[in-house]
């Protein structure tokens, strides 16, 4: 409820909800304005991009860069390529994909990688390459965790918009 101070203006509405079940979806805000319990204005355009909120989703597949398999030799230079698929990003928006490769037993960070990109389509993928010394990892597993950040026009992080950090996910192990 509000009392207008001028004939034209705006009111901000804040919605609080759990969006975890909506990964990869788009939601649209509809508004209705009432005066004395009578509907006097409505805006319910399902195709209005300005009313839309995009909830991104990311998932990954990590493999050895050498042969595309899920294993590597414990040698001093290894590269694990992590193909990060994204869904429901904003076309033309600049993003940063940041990843951390973690030892599944000790939870220690093995390597980090990141890269920036301008989204060319709502759905697609980027690849992060983790280069590291694997000599101490014989018989151990590593898993990739990723965070997706929206960037401003200067390339600075605005906010995290998606993450994928499941230590039991075989796709990113």
Foldseek 3Di string as FASTA:
>chain_A
DDDDPDPDDDDDDDDDDDCPVVAQHKDFDKDFDDDPNHTDDIDDDRPDPVRIDWQKEKDKAKAWPVPRHQDDDQAFKTKIKIKIKMHQDDAQFKKKKKKFKAWLPPRDTFFIWMDMDGHHDRIDIDMTITIGRRNPQVPTHIFMKMWMFTADPVRHGDDTRYIDDDSPDPRRD
